[in-house]
Amino acid sequence: MAALYQLAVLGSPTDAQISELEEIVGTAVGMFNLRLGHEVGWEVRPEAFNPDQQRSSAAVFFGGDNPPLANVAKLLEC
């Protein structure tokens, strides 16, 4: 089954930031009996984030020194 929702962490987050964010978001979606990586897609530092236009999606961008921009400009157009 495809994920019902799609979330992405883009840019240059540290491993500690990813871990903390994953715990917080996992707890939040868990209140609705959803799981990261199952009902809620969870992509960390993907080459490109191309969410399905028929699913709710969100992304967070962490800047830093020369963060990978992937397709951030295209996502901002949507």
PDB file of N, CA and C in Angstrom:
ATOM      1  N   MET A   1       0.836  -1.174   0.000  1.00  0.00           N
ATOM      2  CA  MET A   1       0.000   0.000   0.000  1.00  0.00           C
ATOM      3  C   MET A   1       0.889   1.248   0.000  1.00  0.00           C
ATOM      4  N   ALA A   2       0.551   2.190  -0.840  1.00  0.00           N
ATOM      5  CA  ALA A   2       1.282   3.451  -0.889  1.00  0.00           C
ATOM      6  C   ALA A   2       0.939   4.279   0.351  1.00  0.00           C
ATOM      7  N   ALA A   3       1.873   5.123   0.735  1.00  0.00           N
ATOM      8  CA  ALA A   3       1.651   5.987   1.898  1.00  0.00           C
ATOM      9  C   ALA A   3       0.479   6.930   1.640  1.00  0.00           C
ATOM     10  N   LEU A   4      -0.258   7.230   2.686  1.00  0.00           N
ATOM     11  CA  LEU A   4      -1.384   8.155   2.591  1.00  0.00           C
ATOM     12  C   LEU A   4      -0.912   9.600   2.574  1.00  0.00           C
ATOM     13  N   TYR A   5       0.218   9.865   3.221  1.00  0.00           N
ATOM     14  CA  TYR A   5       0.793  11.200   3.336  1.00  0.00           C
ATOM     15  C   TYR A   5       2.276  11.087   3.018  1.00  0.00           C
ATOM     16  N   GLN A   6       2.895  12.190   2.606  1.00  0.00           N
ATOM     17  CA  GLN A   6       4.311  12.172   2.277  1.00  0.00           C
ATOM     18  C   GLN A   6       5.009  13.343   2.962  1.00  0.00           C
ATOM     19  N   LEU A   7       6.093  13.036   3.675  1.00  0.00           N
ATOM     20  CA  LEU A   7       6.890  14.056   4.352  1.00  0.00           C
ATOM     21  C   LEU A   7       8.342  13.916   3.914  1.00  0.00           C
ATOM     22  N   ALA A   8       9.039  15.058   3.805  1.00  0.00           N
ATOM     23  CA  ALA A   8      10.446  15.021   3.413  1.00  0.00           C
ATOM     24  C   ALA A   8      11.249  16.011   4.239  1.00  0.00           C
ATOM     25  N   VAL A   9      12.485  15.635   4.508  1.00  0.00           N
ATOM     26  CA  VAL A   9      13.448  16.495   5.183  1.00  0.00           C
ATOM     27  C   VAL A   9      14.535  16.789   4.153  1.00  0.00           C
ATOM     28  N   LEU A  10      14.619  18.056   3.741  1.00  0.00           N
ATOM     29  CA  LEU A  10      15.534  18.458   2.671  1.00  0.00           C
ATOM     30  C   LEU A  10      16.662  19.333   3.218  1.00  0.00           C
ATOM     31  N   GLY A  11      17.699  19.495   2.408  1.00  0.00           N
ATOM     32  CA  GLY A  11      18.799  20.369   2.779  1.00  0.00           C
ATOM     33  C   GLY A  11      19.888  19.636   3.531  1.00  0.00           C
ATOM     34  N   SER A  12      20.412  20.304   4.568  1.00  0.00           N
ATOM     35  CA  SER A  12      21.555  19.764   5.319  1.00  0.00           C
ATOM     36  C   SER A  12      21.283  19.648   6.817  1.00  0.00           C
ATOM     37  N   PRO A  13      20.264  18.903   7.205  1.00  0.00           N
ATOM     38  CA  PRO A  13      20.045  18.718   8.645  1.00  0.00           C
ATOM     39  C   PRO A  13      21.129  17.810   9.218  1.00  0.00           C
ATOM     40  N   THR A  14      21.445  18.036  10.484  1.00  0.00           N
ATOM     41  CA  THR A  14      22.400  17.147  11.143  1.00  0.00           C
ATOM     42  C   THR A  14      21.683  15.840  11.500  1.00  0.00           C
ATOM     43  N   ASP A  15      22.461  14.828  11.806  1.00  0.00           N
ATOM     44  CA  ASP A  15      21.865  13.561  12.226  1.00  0.00           C
ATOM     45  C   ASP A  15      21.047  13.746  13.499  1.00  0.00           C
ATOM     46  N   ALA A  16      21.529  14.606  14.404  1.00  0.00           N
ATOM     47  CA  ALA A  16      20.794  14.866  15.652  1.00  0.00           C
ATOM     48  C   ALA A  16      19.449  15.541  15.348  1.00  0.00           C
ATOM     49  N   GLN A  17      19.438  16.496  14.415  1.00  0.00           N
ATOM     50  CA  GLN A  17      18.192  17.161  14.050  1.00  0.00           C
ATOM     51  C   GLN A  17      17.205  16.168  13.439  1.00  0.00           C
ATOM     52  N   ILE A  18      17.702  15.303  12.577  1.00  0.00           N
ATOM     53  CA  ILE A  18      16.837  14.300  11.953  1.00  0.00           C
ATOM     54  C   ILE A  18      16.253  13.377  13.006  1.00  0.00           C
ATOM     55  N   SER A  19      17.096  12.921  13.909  1.00  0.00           N
ATOM     56  CA  SER A  19      16.637  12.011  14.959  1.00  0.00           C
ATOM     57  C   SER A  19      15.553  12.655  15.816  1.00  0.00           C
ATOM     58  N   GLU A  20      15.782  13.899  16.227  1.00  0.00           N
ATOM     59  CA  GLU A  20      14.803  14.590  17.067  1.00  0.00           C
ATOM     60  C   GLU A  20      13.502  14.849  16.307  1.00  0.00           C
ATOM     61  N   LEU A  21      13.623  15.283  15.060  1.00  0.00           N
ATOM     62  CA  LEU A  21      12.440  15.541  14.245  1.00  0.00           C
ATOM     63  C   LEU A  21      11.644  14.257  14.012  1.00  0.00           C
ATOM     64  N   GLU A  22      12.343  13.168  13.724  1.00  0.00           N
ATOM     65  CA  GLU A  22      11.676  11.891  13.501  1.00  0.00           C
ATOM     66  C   GLU A  22      10.915  11.439  14.747  1.00  0.00           C
ATOM     67  N   GLU A  23      11.501  11.641  15.912  1.00  0.00           N
ATOM     68  CA  GLU A  23      10.833  11.264  17.154  1.00  0.00           C
ATOM     69  C   GLU A  23       9.576  12.111  17.386  1.00  0.00           C
ATOM     70  N   ILE A  24       9.701  13.419  17.178  1.00  0.00           N
ATOM     71  CA  ILE A  24       8.570  14.323  17.394  1.00  0.00           C
ATOM     72  C   ILE A  24       7.443  14.047  16.401  1.00  0.00           C
ATOM     73  N   VAL A  25       7.794  13.947  15.123  1.00  0.00           N
ATOM     74  CA  VAL A  25       6.772  13.700  14.097  1.00  0.00           C
ATOM     75  C   VAL A  25       6.176  12.307  14.263  1.00  0.00           C
ATOM     76  N   GLY A  26       7.012  11.329  14.578  1.00  0.00           N
ATOM     77  CA  GLY A  26       6.515   9.968  14.803  1.00  0.00           C
ATOM     78  C   GLY A  26       5.498   9.911  15.932  1.00  0.00           C
ATOM     79  N   THR A  27       5.775  10.641  17.012  1.00  0.00           N
ATOM     80  CA  THR A  27       4.838  10.701  18.135  1.00  0.00           C
ATOM     81  C   THR A  27       3.536  11.373  17.707  1.00  0.00           C
ATOM     82  N   ALA A  28       3.663  12.468  16.963  1.00  0.00           N
ATOM     83  CA  ALA A  28       2.465  13.207  16.531  1.00  0.00           C
ATOM     84  C   ALA A  28       1.570  12.370  15.621  1.00  0.00           C
ATOM     85  N   VAL A  29       2.158  11.709  14.633  1.00  0.00           N
ATOM     86  CA  VAL A  29       1.314  10.906  13.736  1.00  0.00           C
ATOM     87  C   VAL A  29       0.812   9.649  14.427  1.00  0.00           C
ATOM     88  N   GLY A  30       1.564   9.186  15.420  1.00  0.00           N
ATOM     89  CA  GLY A  30       1.148   8.017  16.189  1.00  0.00           C
ATOM     90  C   GLY A  30      -0.153   8.245  16.936  1.00  0.00           C
ATOM     91  N   MET A  31      -0.443   9.501  17.278  1.00  0.00           N
ATOM     92  CA  MET A  31      -1.703   9.825  17.957  1.00  0.00           C
ATOM     93  C   MET A  31      -2.909   9.541  17.068  1.00  0.00           C
ATOM     94  N   PHE A  32      -2.654   9.412  15.771  1.00  0.00           N
ATOM     95  CA  PHE A  32      -3.718   9.106  14.809  1.00  0.00           C
ATOM     96  C   PHE A  32      -3.589   7.678  14.287  1.00  0.00           C
ATOM     97  N   ASN A  33      -2.834   6.851  15.011  1.00  0.00           N
ATOM     98  CA  ASN A  33      -2.582   5.460  14.626  1.00  0.00           C
ATOM     99  C   ASN A  33      -1.918   5.346  13.260  1.00  0.00           C
ATOM    100  N   LEU A  34      -1.013   6.289  12.964  1.00  0.00           N
ATOM    101  CA  LEU A  34      -0.227   6.264  11.733  1.00  0.00           C
ATOM    102  C   LEU A  34       1.237   6.057  12.100  1.00  0.00           C
ATOM    103  N   ARG A  35       2.015   5.527  11.147  1.00  0.00           N
ATOM    104  CA  ARG A  35       3.425   5.249  11.393  1.00  0.00           C
ATOM    105  C   ARG A  35       4.285   5.856  10.290  1.00  0.00           C
ATOM    106  N   LEU A  36       5.395   6.465  10.689  1.00  0.00           N
ATOM    107  CA  LEU A  36       6.350   6.963   9.703  1.00  0.00           C
ATOM    108  C   LEU A  36       6.924   5.792   8.923  1.00  0.00           C
ATOM    109  N   GLY A  37       7.055   5.986   7.638  1.00  0.00           N
ATOM    110  CA  GLY A  37       7.596   4.926   6.799  1.00  0.00           C
ATOM    111  C   GLY A  37       6.562   3.913   6.372  1.00  0.00           C
ATOM    112  N   HIS A  38       5.350   4.054   6.838  1.00  0.00           N
ATOM    113  CA  HIS A  38       4.256   3.157   6.455  1.00  0.00           C
ATOM    114  C   HIS A  38       3.125   4.003   5.893  1.00  0.00           C
ATOM    115  N   GLU A  39       2.186   4.399   6.731  1.00  0.00           N
ATOM    116  CA  GLU A  39       1.068   5.230   6.267  1.00  0.00           C
ATOM    117  C   GLU A  39       1.527   6.659   5.945  1.00  0.00           C
ATOM    118  N   VAL A  40       2.615   7.067   6.573  1.00  0.00           N
ATOM    119  CA  VAL A  40       3.193   8.392   6.346  1.00  0.00           C
ATOM    120  C   VAL A  40       4.590   8.197   5.759  1.00  0.00           C
ATOM    121  N   GLY A  41       4.730   8.506   4.472  1.00  0.00           N
ATOM    122  CA  GLY A  41       6.040   8.393   3.834  1.00  0.00           C
ATOM    123  C   GLY A  41       7.022   9.348   4.490  1.00  0.00           C
ATOM    124  N   TRP A  42       8.273   8.923   4.645  1.00  0.00           N
ATOM    125  CA  TRP A  42       9.287   9.708   5.350  1.00  0.00           C
ATOM    126  C   TRP A  42      10.575   9.641   4.553  1.00  0.00           C
ATOM    127  N   GLU A  43      10.913  10.734   3.866  1.00  0.00           N
ATOM    128  CA  GLU A  43      12.129  10.787   3.058  1.00  0.00           C
ATOM    129  C   GLU A  43      13.099  11.776   3.688  1.00  0.00           C
ATOM    130  N   VAL A  44      14.322  11.321   3.918  1.00  0.00           N
ATOM    131  CA  VAL A  44      15.348  12.162   4.530  1.00  0.00           C
ATOM    132  C   VAL A  44      16.472  12.379   3.519  1.00  0.00           C
ATOM    133  N   ARG A  45      16.728  13.641   3.235  1.00  0.00           N
ATOM    134  CA  ARG A  45      17.769  14.052   2.285  1.00  0.00           C
ATOM    135  C   ARG A  45      17.649  13.341   0.935  1.00  0.00           C
ATOM    136  N   PRO A  46      16.457  13.300   0.350  1.00  0.00           N
ATOM    137  CA  PRO A  46      16.345  12.629  -0.948  1.00  0.00           C
ATOM    138  C   PRO A  46      17.042  13.442  -2.035  1.00  0.00           C
ATOM    139  N   GLU A  47      17.452  12.771  -3.102  1.00  0.00           N
ATOM    140  CA  GLU A  47      18.038  13.473  -4.259  1.00  0.00           C
ATOM    141  C   GLU A  47      17.035  14.485  -4.788  1.00  0.00           C
ATOM    142  N   ALA A  48      15.770  14.080  -4.843  1.00  0.00           N
ATOM    143  CA  ALA A  48      14.663  14.949  -5.263  1.00  0.00           C
ATOM    144  C   ALA A  48      13.408  14.465  -4.555  1.00  0.00           C
ATOM    145  N   PHE A  49      12.550  15.383  -4.197  1.00  0.00           N
ATOM    146  CA  PHE A  49      11.280  15.033  -3.557  1.00  0.00           C
ATOM    147  C   PHE A  49      10.181  15.341  -4.556  1.00  0.00           C
ATOM    148  N   ASN A  50       9.533  14.304  -5.041  1.00  0.00           N
ATOM    149  CA  ASN A  50       8.473  14.431  -6.033  1.00  0.00           C
ATOM    150  C   ASN A  50       7.196  13.814  -5.479  1.00  0.00           C
ATOM    151  N   PRO A  51       6.504  14.558  -4.623  1.00  0.00           N
ATOM    152  CA  PRO A  51       5.308  13.994  -4.000  1.00  0.00           C
ATOM    153  C   PRO A  51       4.193  13.758  -5.009  1.00  0.00           C
ATOM    154  N   ASP A  52       3.427  12.738  -4.741  1.00  0.00           N
ATOM    155  CA  ASP A  52       2.253  12.426  -5.544  1.00  0.00           C
ATOM    156  C   ASP A  52       1.263  13.575  -5.377  1.00  0.00           C
ATOM    157  N   GLN A  53       0.802  14.129  -6.473  1.00  0.00           N
ATOM    158  CA  GLN A  53      -0.093  15.287  -6.427  1.00  0.00           C
ATOM    159  C   GLN A  53      -1.464  14.957  -5.849  1.00  0.00           C
ATOM    160  N   GLN A  54      -1.762  13.687  -5.639  1.00  0.00           N
ATOM    161  CA  GLN A  54      -3.054  13.306  -5.071  1.00  0.00           C
ATOM    162  C   GLN A  54      -2.930  12.886  -3.610  1.00  0.00           C
ATOM    163  N   ARG A  55      -1.781  13.177  -3.001  1.00  0.00           N
ATOM    164  CA  ARG A  55      -1.573  12.883  -1.584  1.00  0.00           C
ATOM    165  C   ARG A  55      -1.120  14.154  -0.877  1.00  0.00           C
ATOM    166  N   SER A  56      -1.521  14.303   0.354  1.00  0.00           N
ATOM    167  CA  SER A  56      -1.049  15.439   1.140  1.00  0.00           C
ATOM    168  C   SER A  56       0.436  15.261   1.394  1.00  0.00           C
ATOM    169  N   SER A  57       1.178  16.343   1.233  1.00  0.00           N
ATOM    170  CA  SER A  57       2.618  16.254   1.435  1.00  0.00           C
ATOM    171  C   SER A  57       3.146  17.545   2.050  1.00  0.00           C
ATOM    172  N   ALA A  58       4.312  17.426   2.662  1.00  0.00           N
ATOM    173  CA  ALA A  58       4.977  18.580   3.248  1.00  0.00           C
ATOM    174  C   ALA A  58       6.472  18.300   3.272  1.00  0.00           C
ATOM    175  N   ALA A  59       7.240  19.376   3.256  1.00  0.00           N
ATOM    176  CA  ALA A  59       8.695  19.252   3.339  1.00  0.00           C
ATOM    177  C   ALA A  59       9.231  20.346   4.249  1.00  0.00           C
ATOM    178  N   VAL A  60      10.330  20.038   4.901  1.00  0.00           N
ATOM    179  CA  VAL A  60      11.042  21.022   5.708  1.00  0.00           C
ATOM    180  C   VAL A  60      12.447  21.112   5.119  1.00  0.00           C
ATOM    181  N   PHE A  61      12.971  22.339   5.046  1.00  0.00           N
ATOM    182  CA  PHE A  61      14.301  22.557   4.466  1.00  0.00           C
ATOM    183  C   PHE A  61      15.239  23.092   5.534  1.00  0.00           C
ATOM    184  N   PHE A  62      16.373  22.422   5.714  1.00  0.00           N
ATOM    185  CA  PHE A  62      17.417  22.868   6.628  1.00  0.00           C
ATOM    186  C   PHE A  62      18.547  23.437   5.778  1.00  0.00           C
ATOM    187  N   GLY A  63      18.864  24.697   5.998  1.00  0.00           N
ATOM    188  CA  GLY A  63      19.968  25.327   5.277  1.00  0.00           C
ATOM    189  C   GLY A  63      21.301  24.891   5.852  1.00  0.00           C
ATOM    190  N   GLY A  64      22.312  25.672   5.598  1.00  0.00           N
ATOM    191  CA  GLY A  64      23.649  25.357   6.071  1.00  0.00           C
ATOM    192  C   GLY A  64      24.633  25.760   5.001  1.00  0.00           C
ATOM    193  N   ASP A  65      25.880  25.360   5.151  1.00  0.00           N
ATOM    194  CA  ASP A  65      26.895  25.652   4.144  1.00  0.00           C
ATOM    195  C   ASP A  65      26.661  24.790   2.910  1.00  0.00           C
ATOM    196  N   ASN A  66      26.317  25.418   1.819  1.00  0.00           N
ATOM    197  CA  ASN A  66      26.087  24.732   0.541  1.00  0.00           C
ATOM    198  C   ASN A  66      25.149  23.530   0.665  1.00  0.00           C
ATOM    199  N   PRO A  67      23.948  23.732   1.161  1.00  0.00           N
ATOM    200  CA  PRO A  67      23.026  22.596   1.283  1.00  0.00           C
ATOM    201  C   PRO A  67      22.619  22.090  -0.100  1.00  0.00           C
ATOM    202  N   PRO A  68      22.404  20.785  -0.236  1.00  0.00           N
ATOM    203  CA  PRO A  68      21.915  20.269  -1.516  1.00  0.00           C
ATOM    204  C   PRO A  68      20.499  20.804  -1.751  1.00  0.00           C
ATOM    205  N   LEU A  69      20.283  21.402  -2.899  1.00  0.00           N
ATOM    206  CA  LEU A  69      18.994  22.029  -3.183  1.00  0.00           C
ATOM    207  C   LEU A  69      18.015  21.093  -3.875  1.00  0.00           C
ATOM    208  N   ALA A  70      18.510  19.959  -4.372  1.00  0.00           N
ATOM    209  CA  ALA A  70      17.644  18.983  -5.053  1.00  0.00           C
ATOM    210  C   ALA A  70      16.695  19.741  -5.968  1.00  0.00           C
ATOM    211  N   ASN A  71      15.408  19.575  -5.776  1.00  0.00           N
ATOM    212  CA  ASN A  71      14.410  20.247  -6.615  1.00  0.00           C
ATOM    213  C   ASN A  71      13.590  21.242  -5.793  1.00  0.00           C
ATOM    214  N   VAL A  72      14.243  21.911  -4.846  1.00  0.00           N
ATOM    215  CA  VAL A  72      13.543  22.848  -3.968  1.00  0.00           C
ATOM    216  C   VAL A  72      12.842  23.942  -4.758  1.00  0.00           C
ATOM    217  N   ALA A  73      13.491  24.514  -5.754  1.00  0.00           N
ATOM    218  CA  ALA A  73      12.877  25.590  -6.546  1.00  0.00           C
ATOM    219  C   ALA A  73      11.580  25.106  -7.200  1.00  0.00           C
ATOM    220  N   LYS A  74      11.591  23.899  -7.734  1.00  0.00           N
ATOM    221  CA  LYS A  74      10.384  23.355  -8.365  1.00  0.00           C
ATOM    222  C   LYS A  74       9.270  23.145  -7.330  1.00  0.00           C
ATOM    223  N   LEU A  75       9.633  22.676  -6.137  1.00  0.00           N
ATOM    224  CA  LEU A  75       8.643  22.463  -5.081  1.00  0.00           C
ATOM    225  C   LEU A  75       7.989  23.778  -4.661  1.00  0.00           C
ATOM    226  N   LEU A  76       8.752  24.850  -4.659  1.00  0.00           N
ATOM    227  CA  LEU A  76       8.230  26.146  -4.252  1.00  0.00           C
ATOM    228  C   LEU A  76       7.237  26.695  -5.260  1.00  0.00           C
ATOM    229  N   GLU A  77       7.285  26.222  -6.496  1.00  0.00           N
ATOM    230  CA  GLU A  77       6.345  26.658  -7.526  1.00  0.00           C
ATOM    231  C   GLU A  77       4.959  26.065  -7.317  1.00  0.00           C
ATOM    232  N   CYS A  78       4.874  24.927  -6.660  1.00  0.00           N
ATOM    233  CA  CYS A  78       3.598  24.217  -6.507  1.00  0.00           C
ATOM    234  C   CYS A  78       2.649  24.921  -5.599  1.00  0.00           C
TER     235      CYS A  78
END
